[in-house]
PDB file of N, CA and C in Angstrom:
ATOM      1  N   MET A   1     116.460  82.064  94.130  1.00  0.00           N
ATOM      2  CA  MET A   1     115.068  82.835  94.161  1.00  0.00           C
ATOM      3  C   MET A   1     115.661  84.308  94.061  1.00  0.00           C
ATOM      4  N   ILE A   2     114.740  85.082  93.776  1.00  0.00           N
ATOM      5  CA  ILE A   2     115.036  86.584  93.990  1.00  0.00           C
ATOM      6  C   ILE A   2     114.328  87.253  95.350  1.00  0.00           C
ATOM      7  N   SER A   3     115.385  87.996  95.037  1.00  0.00           N
ATOM      8  CA  SER A   3     114.961  89.157  96.676  1.00  0.00           C
ATOM      9  C   SER A   3     114.325  89.976  96.537  1.00  0.00           C
ATOM     10  N   VAL A   4     113.459  90.573  97.621  1.00  0.00           N
ATOM     11  CA  VAL A   4     112.477  91.437  97.582  1.00  0.00           C
ATOM     12  C   VAL A   4     112.825  92.924  97.242  1.00  0.00           C
ATOM     13  N   ALA A   5     113.808  92.614  96.867  1.00  0.00           N
ATOM     14  CA  ALA A   5     114.699  94.074  97.096  1.00  0.00           C
ATOM     15  C   ALA A   5     114.844  94.260  95.233  1.00  0.00           C
ATOM     16  N   ALA A   6     115.139  93.300  94.727  1.00  0.00           N
ATOM     17  CA  ALA A   6     115.456  93.081  93.548  1.00  0.00           C
ATOM     18  C   ALA A   6     114.038  92.698  92.800  1.00  0.00           C
ATOM     19  N   LEU A   7     113.063  92.308  93.614  1.00  0.00           N
ATOM     20  CA  LEU A   7     111.727  92.319  92.612  1.00  0.00           C
ATOM     21  C   LEU A   7     111.118  94.090  93.031  1.00  0.00           C
ATOM     22  N   LEU A   8     111.743  94.517  93.840  1.00  0.00           N
ATOM     23  CA  LEU A   8     111.090  95.962  93.718  1.00  0.00           C
ATOM     24  C   LEU A   8     111.628  96.818  92.931  1.00  0.00           C
ATOM     25  N   ALA A   9     112.792  96.697  92.453  1.00  0.00           N
ATOM     26  CA  ALA A   9     113.715  97.103  92.041  1.00  0.00           C
ATOM     27  C   ALA A   9     112.973  97.231  90.276  1.00  0.00           C
ATOM     28  N   LEU A  10     112.813  95.902  89.739  1.00  0.00           N
ATOM     29  CA  LEU A  10     112.571  95.498  88.684  1.00  0.00           C
ATOM     30  C   LEU A  10     110.791  95.856  88.429  1.00  0.00           C
ATOM     31  N   THR A  11     110.310  95.917  89.376  1.00  0.00           N
ATOM     32  CA  THR A  11     108.855  96.012  89.551  1.00  0.00           C
ATOM     33  C   THR A  11     108.114  97.815  89.578  1.00  0.00           C
ATOM     34  N   GLY A  12     109.081  98.111  90.233  1.00  0.00           N
ATOM     35  CA  GLY A  12     108.631  99.648  90.869  1.00  0.00           C
ATOM     36  C   GLY A  12     108.265  99.651  92.227  1.00  0.00           C
ATOM     37  N   PRO A  13     107.822 100.553  92.961  1.00  0.00           N
ATOM     38  CA  PRO A  13     107.235 100.966  94.785  1.00  0.00           C
ATOM     39  C   PRO A  13     106.289 100.663  94.555  1.00  0.00           C
ATOM     40  N   ALA A  14     105.647 100.918  93.014  1.00  0.00           N
ATOM     41  CA  ALA A  14     104.223 101.111  92.990  1.00  0.00           C
ATOM     42  C   ALA A  14     103.419  99.829  92.688  1.00  0.00           C
ATOM     43  N   ALA A  15     104.038  98.704  92.891  1.00  0.00           N
ATOM     44  CA  ALA A  15     103.560  97.145  92.019  1.00  0.00           C
ATOM     45  C   ALA A  15     103.069  96.935  93.337  1.00  0.00           C
ATOM     46  N   ALA A  16     101.784  96.137  93.107  1.00  0.00           N
ATOM     47  CA  ALA A  16     101.117  95.653  94.608  1.00  0.00           C
ATOM     48  C   ALA A  16     101.678  94.327  94.861  1.00  0.00           C
ATOM     49  N   VAL A  17     102.527  94.568  96.063  1.00  0.00           N
ATOM     50  CA  VAL A  17     102.949  93.139  97.016  1.00  0.00           C
ATOM     51  C   VAL A  17     101.824  92.812  97.735  1.00  0.00           C
ATOM     52  N   CYS A  18     101.061  93.255  98.556  1.00  0.00           N
ATOM     53  CA  CYS A  18     100.056  92.694  99.350  1.00  0.00           C
ATOM     54  C   CYS A  18      98.889  93.647  99.119  1.00  0.00           C
ATOM     55  N   LYS A  19      97.763  93.379  98.984  1.00  0.00           N
ATOM     56  CA  LYS A  19      96.154  93.517  98.673  1.00  0.00           C
ATOM     57  C   LYS A  19      96.162  94.876 100.113  1.00  0.00           C
ATOM     58  N   GLY A  20      95.925  96.261  99.609  1.00  0.00           N
ATOM     59  CA  GLY A  20      95.551  96.964 100.769  1.00  0.00           C
ATOM     60  C   GLY A  20      96.944  96.984 101.572  1.00  0.00           C
ATOM     61  N   ALA A  21      98.044  96.445 101.424  1.00  0.00           N
ATOM     62  CA  ALA A  21      99.368  97.373 102.389  1.00  0.00           C
ATOM     63  C   ALA A  21      99.614  98.507 101.694  1.00  0.00           C
ATOM     64  N   PRO A  22      99.832  99.562 102.613  1.00  0.00           N
ATOM     65  CA  PRO A  22     100.235 101.045 102.193  1.00  0.00           C
ATOM     66  C   PRO A  22     101.224 100.909 101.088  1.00  0.00           C
ATOM     67  N   GLN A  23     101.806 102.093 100.024  1.00  0.00           N
ATOM     68  CA  GLN A  23     102.551 101.824  99.041  1.00  0.00           C
ATOM     69  C   GLN A  23     103.975 103.021 100.264  1.00  0.00           C
ATOM     70  N   ALA A  24     104.702 102.506 100.240  1.00  0.00           N
ATOM     71  CA  ALA A  24     106.134 103.281 100.896  1.00  0.00           C
ATOM     72  C   ALA A  24     106.466 104.620  99.494  1.00  0.00           C
ATOM     73  N   PRO A  25     107.018 105.044 100.225  1.00  0.00           N
ATOM     74  CA  PRO A  25     107.744 106.545  98.610  1.00  0.00           C
ATOM     75  C   PRO A  25     108.804 105.538  97.949  1.00  0.00           C
ATOM     76  N   ALA A  26     108.910 105.288  96.743  1.00  0.00           N
ATOM     77  CA  ALA A  26     109.944 105.345  95.990  1.00  0.00           C
ATOM     78  C   ALA A  26     111.193 105.394  96.485  1.00  0.00           C
ATOM     79  N   ALA A  27     111.580 106.429  97.141  1.00  0.00           N
ATOM     80  CA  ALA A  27     112.971 106.486  97.762  1.00  0.00           C
ATOM     81  C   ALA A  27     113.169 105.935  99.045  1.00  0.00           C
ATOM     82  N   ASP A  28     112.405 105.250  99.273  1.00  0.00           N
ATOM     83  CA  ASP A  28     112.445 104.111 100.542  1.00  0.00           C
ATOM     84  C   ASP A  28     113.162 102.541 100.145  1.00  0.00           C
ATOM     85  N   TYR A  29     113.106 102.251  98.743  1.00  0.00           N
ATOM     86  CA  TYR A  29     113.380 101.711  97.961  1.00  0.00           C
ATOM     87  C   TYR A  29     114.679 101.670  97.215  1.00  0.00           C
ATOM     88  N   LEU A  30     115.127 102.628  96.640  1.00  0.00           N
ATOM     89  CA  LEU A  30     116.142 103.427  95.662  1.00  0.00           C
ATOM     90  C   LEU A  30     117.315 103.369  96.511  1.00  0.00           C
ATOM     91  N   ALA A  31     118.175 103.056  96.397  1.00  0.00           N
ATOM     92  CA  ALA A  31     119.735 103.014  96.715  1.00  0.00           C
ATOM     93  C   ALA A  31     120.571 104.401  95.799  1.00  0.00           C
ATOM     94  N   ASP A  32     120.964 105.088  96.947  1.00  0.00           N
ATOM     95  CA  ASP A  32     121.881 105.712  95.929  1.00  0.00           C
ATOM     96  C   ASP A  32     122.839 104.968  95.695  1.00  0.00           C
ATOM     97  N   GLU A  33     123.414 105.727  94.479  1.00  0.00           N
ATOM     98  CA  GLU A  33     124.911 105.033  93.643  1.00  0.00           C
ATOM     99  C   GLU A  33     126.273 105.295  94.617  1.00  0.00           C
ATOM    100  N   ASN A  34     126.116 106.131  95.668  1.00  0.00           N
ATOM    101  CA  ASN A  34     127.082 106.256  96.372  1.00  0.00           C
ATOM    102  C   ASN A  34     127.721 104.628  96.463  1.00  0.00           C
ATOM    103  N   ALA A  35     126.391 104.224  97.496  1.00  0.00           N
ATOM    104  CA  ALA A  35     126.933 102.805  97.907  1.00  0.00           C
ATOM    105  C   ALA A  35     127.190 101.579  96.656  1.00  0.00           C
ATOM    106  N   HIS A  36     126.848 101.688  95.937  1.00  0.00           N
ATOM    107  CA  HIS A  36     127.400 100.881  94.809  1.00  0.00           C
ATOM    108  C   HIS A  36     129.178 101.565  94.309  1.00  0.00           C
ATOM    109  N   ARG A  37     129.496 103.018  94.077  1.00  0.00           N
ATOM    110  CA  ARG A  37     130.415 103.144  94.260  1.00  0.00           C
ATOM    111  C   ARG A  37     131.871 102.929  95.183  1.00  0.00           C
ATOM    112  N   ALA A  38     130.909 102.909  96.531  1.00  0.00           N
ATOM    113  CA  ALA A  38     131.672 102.268  97.504  1.00  0.00           C
ATOM    114  C   ALA A  38     132.624 101.400  97.554  1.00  0.00           C
ATOM    115  N   LEU A  39     131.058 100.645  97.122  1.00  0.00           N
ATOM    116  CA  LEU A  39     131.383  99.109  97.316  1.00  0.00           C
ATOM    117  C   LEU A  39     132.654  97.995  96.406  1.00  0.00           C
ATOM    118  N   ARG A  40     132.398  98.972  94.958  1.00  0.00           N
ATOM    119  CA  ARG A  40     133.181  98.707  94.073  1.00  0.00           C
ATOM    120  C   ARG A  40     134.401  99.104  93.997  1.00  0.00           C
ATOM    121  N   ASP A  41     134.444 100.464  94.588  1.00  0.00           N
ATOM    122  CA  ASP A  41     135.954 100.874  95.056  1.00  0.00           C
ATOM    123  C   ASP A  41     137.177 100.378  95.867  1.00  0.00           C
ATOM    124  N   GLU A  42     136.186  99.609  96.745  1.00  0.00           N
ATOM    125  CA  GLU A  42     136.541  98.399  97.864  1.00  0.00           C
ATOM    126  C   GLU A  42     137.371  97.439  96.920  1.00  0.00           C
ATOM    127  N   MET A  43     136.398  97.310  96.318  1.00  0.00           N
ATOM    128  CA  MET A  43     136.440  95.544  95.153  1.00  0.00           C
ATOM    129  C   MET A  43     137.562  95.901  94.111  1.00  0.00           C
ATOM    130  N   GLY A  44     137.835  97.201  93.869  1.00  0.00           N
ATOM    131  CA  GLY A  44     138.031  97.333  92.577  1.00  0.00           C
ATOM    132  C   GLY A  44     137.780  96.912  91.067  1.00  0.00           C
ATOM    133  N   VAL A  45     136.313  97.342  91.237  1.00  0.00           N
ATOM    134  CA  VAL A  45     135.588  97.113  90.204  1.00  0.00           C
ATOM    135  C   VAL A  45     134.971  98.344  89.654  1.00  0.00           C
ATOM    136  N   PRO A  46     135.103  98.685  88.733  1.00  0.00           N
ATOM    137  CA  PRO A  46     134.506 100.121  88.420  1.00  0.00           C
ATOM    138  C   PRO A  46     133.122 100.240  88.298  1.00  0.00           C
ATOM    139  N   MET A  47     132.416 101.275  88.410  1.00  0.00           N
ATOM    140  CA  MET A  47     131.178 101.886  88.091  1.00  0.00           C
ATOM    141  C   MET A  47     131.171 101.621  86.591  1.00  0.00           C
ATOM    142  N   PRO A  48     129.857 100.737  85.756  1.00  0.00           N
ATOM    143  CA  PRO A  48     129.798 101.223  84.469  1.00  0.00           C
ATOM    144  C   PRO A  48     128.979 102.280  84.425  1.00  0.00           C
ATOM    145  N   THR A  49     129.798 103.112  82.881  1.00  0.00           N
ATOM    146  CA  THR A  49     129.150 104.552  83.055  1.00  0.00           C
ATOM    147  C   THR A  49     128.014 104.730  81.666  1.00  0.00           C
ATOM    148  N   ALA A  50     127.586 103.564  81.545  1.00  0.00           N
ATOM    149  CA  ALA A  50     126.560 103.368  80.659  1.00  0.00           C
ATOM    150  C   ALA A  50     125.210 104.615  81.068  1.00  0.00           C
ATOM    151  N   PRO A  51     124.398 105.351  79.987  1.00  0.00           N
ATOM    152  CA  PRO A  51     124.398 106.338  80.332  1.00  0.00           C
ATOM    153  C   PRO A  51     122.359 105.409  80.555  1.00  0.00           C
ATOM    154  N   GLU A  52     121.977 104.237  80.203  1.00  0.00           N
ATOM    155  CA  GLU A  52     120.928 103.921  80.533  1.00  0.00           C
ATOM    156  C   GLU A  52     121.789 102.471  81.504  1.00  0.00           C
ATOM    157  N   HIS A  53     120.985 101.865  82.910  1.00  0.00           N
ATOM    158  CA  HIS A  53     121.515 101.347  83.588  1.00  0.00           C
ATOM    159  C   HIS A  53     120.183 100.771  84.383  1.00  0.00           C
ATOM    160  N   ILE A  54     120.309  99.563  85.001  1.00  0.00           N
ATOM    161  CA  ILE A  54     119.681  99.341  86.281  1.00  0.00           C
ATOM    162  C   ILE A  54     120.650  98.862  87.326  1.00  0.00           C
ATOM    163  N   THR A  55     120.205  99.053  88.040  1.00  0.00           N
ATOM    164  CA  THR A  55     120.986  99.210  89.621  1.00  0.00           C
ATOM    165  C   THR A  55     120.360  99.048  90.640  1.00  0.00           C
ATOM    166  N   ILE A  56     120.913  97.759  91.436  1.00  0.00           N
ATOM    167  CA  ILE A  56     120.476  96.812  92.283  1.00  0.00           C
ATOM    168  C   ILE A  56     121.537  96.571  93.523  1.00  0.00           C
ATOM    169  N   TYR A  57     121.100  97.074  94.932  1.00  0.00           N
ATOM    170  CA  TYR A  57     121.930  97.208  95.908  1.00  0.00           C
ATOM    171  C   TYR A  57     121.440  96.684  96.981  1.00  0.00           C
ATOM    172  N   ALA A  58     122.037  95.764  97.721  1.00  0.00           N
ATOM    173  CA  ALA A  58     121.342  94.965  98.333  1.00  0.00           C
ATOM    174  C   ALA A  58     123.053  94.794 100.099  1.00  0.00           C
ATOM    175  N   GLU A  59     122.507  95.317 101.004  1.00  0.00           N
ATOM    176  CA  GLU A  59     123.111  95.224 102.370  1.00  0.00           C
ATOM    177  C   GLU A  59     122.385  94.633 103.489  1.00  0.00           C
ATOM    178  N   GLY A  60     123.033  93.658 104.389  1.00  0.00           N
ATOM    179  CA  GLY A  60     122.342  92.676 105.272  1.00  0.00           C
ATOM    180  C   GLY A  60     123.101  91.350 105.709  1.00  0.00           C
ATOM    181  N   GLY A  61     122.194  91.339 106.792  1.00  0.00           N
ATOM    182  CA  GLY A  61     122.995  89.848 106.987  1.00  0.00           C
ATOM    183  C   GLY A  61     122.527  89.409 108.286  1.00  0.00           C
ATOM    184  N   HIS A  62     122.842  88.382 109.166  1.00  0.00           N
ATOM    185  CA  HIS A  62     122.610  88.178 110.561  1.00  0.00           C
ATOM    186  C   HIS A  62     124.058  88.007 111.691  1.00  0.00           C
ATOM    187  N   LEU A  63     125.005  87.491 111.299  1.00  0.00           N
ATOM    188  CA  LEU A  63     126.152  87.225 112.189  1.00  0.00           C
ATOM    189  C   LEU A  63     127.431  87.905 111.452  1.00  0.00           C
ATOM    190  N   GLU A  64     127.013  88.432 110.116  1.00  0.00           N
ATOM    191  CA  GLU A  64     127.703  88.695 109.028  1.00  0.00           C
ATOM    192  C   GLU A  64     126.829  89.853 108.379  1.00  0.00           C
ATOM    193  N   THR A  65     127.815  90.635 107.881  1.00  0.00           N
ATOM    194  CA  THR A  65     127.118  91.679 106.626  1.00  0.00           C
ATOM    195  C   THR A  65     127.303  91.152 105.169  1.00  0.00           C
ATOM    196  N   THR A  66     126.993  91.047 104.328  1.00  0.00           N
ATOM    197  CA  THR A  66     126.844  91.049 103.336  1.00  0.00           C
ATOM    198  C   THR A  66     126.250  92.225 101.804  1.00  0.00           C
ATOM    199  N   ARG A  67     126.868  92.597 101.072  1.00  0.00           N
ATOM    200  CA  ARG A  67     126.887  94.082 100.427  1.00  0.00           C
ATOM    201  C   ARG A  67     126.789  93.110  98.923  1.00  0.00           C
ATOM    202  N   ILE A  68     126.067  93.592  98.393  1.00  0.00           N
ATOM    203  CA  ILE A  68     126.219  93.352  96.942  1.00  0.00           C
ATOM    204  C   ILE A  68     125.775  94.281  95.841  1.00  0.00           C
ATOM    205  N   SER A  69     126.357  94.796  94.792  1.00  0.00           N
ATOM    206  CA  SER A  69     126.059  95.883  93.796  1.00  0.00           C
ATOM    207  C   SER A  69     125.944  94.864  92.297  1.00  0.00           C
ATOM    208  N   ILE A  70     124.954  95.000  92.106  1.00  0.00           N
ATOM    209  CA  ILE A  70     124.681  94.368  90.668  1.00  0.00           C
ATOM    210  C   ILE A  70     124.251  95.789  89.152  1.00  0.00           C
ATOM    211  N   VAL A  71     125.075  95.701  88.291  1.00  0.00           N
ATOM    212  CA  VAL A  71     124.787  97.106  87.350  1.00  0.00           C
ATOM    213  C   VAL A  71     124.265  96.179  85.979  1.00  0.00           C
ATOM    214  N   ALA A  72     123.374  96.568  85.252  1.00  0.00           N
ATOM    215  CA  ALA A  72     123.058  96.292  84.325  1.00  0.00           C
ATOM    216  C   ALA A  72     122.948  97.458  83.261  1.00  0.00           C
ATOM    217  N   THR A  73     123.808  96.785  81.845  1.00  0.00           N
ATOM    218  CA  THR A  73     123.778  98.387  81.499  1.00  0.00           C
ATOM    219  C   THR A  73     122.837  97.903  79.647  1.00  0.00           C
ATOM    220  N   ARG A  74     122.568  98.818  79.202  1.00  0.00           N
ATOM    221  CA  ARG A  74     121.906  98.713  77.859  1.00  0.00           C
ATOM    222  C   ARG A  74     122.673  99.119  76.758  1.00  0.00           C
ATOM    223  N   ALA A  75     122.873  98.785  76.109  1.00  0.00           N
ATOM    224  CA  ALA A  75     124.204  98.995  74.721  1.00  0.00           C
ATOM    225  C   ALA A  75     122.861  99.720  73.588  1.00  0.00           C
ATOM    226  N   PRO A  76     124.114 100.536  72.667  1.00  0.00           N
ATOM    227  CA  PRO A  76     123.577 101.342  72.236  1.00  0.00           C
ATOM    228  C   PRO A  76     122.196 100.964  71.216  1.00  0.00           C
ATOM    229  N   ASP A  77     122.088  99.535  70.602  1.00  0.00           N
ATOM    230  CA  ASP A  77     121.574  98.751  69.740  1.00  0.00           C
ATOM    231  C   ASP A  77     119.953  98.427  70.484  1.00  0.00           C
ATOM    232  N   GLY A  78     120.217  98.775  71.697  1.00  0.00           N
ATOM    233  CA  GLY A  78     118.691  98.327  72.766  1.00  0.00           C
ATOM    234  C   GLY A  78     119.258  96.855  73.631  1.00  0.00           C
ATOM    235  N   ARG A  79     119.798  95.984  73.334  1.00  0.00           N
ATOM    236  CA  ARG A  79     120.420  94.964  73.906  1.00  0.00           C
ATOM    237  C   ARG A  79     120.815  95.189  75.058  1.00  0.00           C
ATOM    238  N   TRP A  80     120.747  94.216  75.922  1.00  0.00           N
ATOM    239  CA  TRP A  80     121.222  94.111  77.444  1.00  0.00           C
ATOM    240  C   TRP A  80     122.263  92.814  77.413  1.00  0.00           C
ATOM    241  N   PRO A  81     123.006  93.038  77.263  1.00  0.00           N
ATOM    242  CA  PRO A  81     124.282  92.292  76.856  1.00  0.00           C
ATOM    243  C   PRO A  81     124.950  91.689  78.009  1.00  0.00           C
ATOM    244  N   MET A  82     125.268  90.393  78.048  1.00  0.00           N
ATOM    245  CA  MET A  82     125.909  89.487  78.980  1.00  0.00           C
ATOM    246  C   MET A  82     126.735  90.066  79.808  1.00  0.00           C
ATOM    247  N   ALA A  83     127.527  90.004  80.747  1.00  0.00           N
ATOM    248  CA  ALA A  83     128.734  90.836  81.536  1.00  0.00           C
ATOM    249  C   ALA A  83     129.848  88.922  80.851  1.00  0.00           C
ATOM    250  N   GLN A  84     130.731  90.162  80.474  1.00  0.00           N
ATOM    251  CA  GLN A  84     132.084  88.893  80.016  1.00  0.00           C
ATOM    252  C   GLN A  84     132.587  88.248  81.364  1.00  0.00           C
TER     253      GLN A  84
END
């Protein structure tokens, strides 16, 4: 199942979620890359440096907080390669 944050990241904040619902500013949905970097530093995973990339960061939970950082990078030939 795709989370709401992932859908918003893929479709953009202007996508219609509910007819007539007010649209929040894009900044409300865009994660600061510092959150990605902090989590990745804790895990010893480098932040990709490709100029074209899509990032998805989520943090939440009920009794335990879970954080995720997903970064998809675009190769110079235009492909979005799978991670090895």
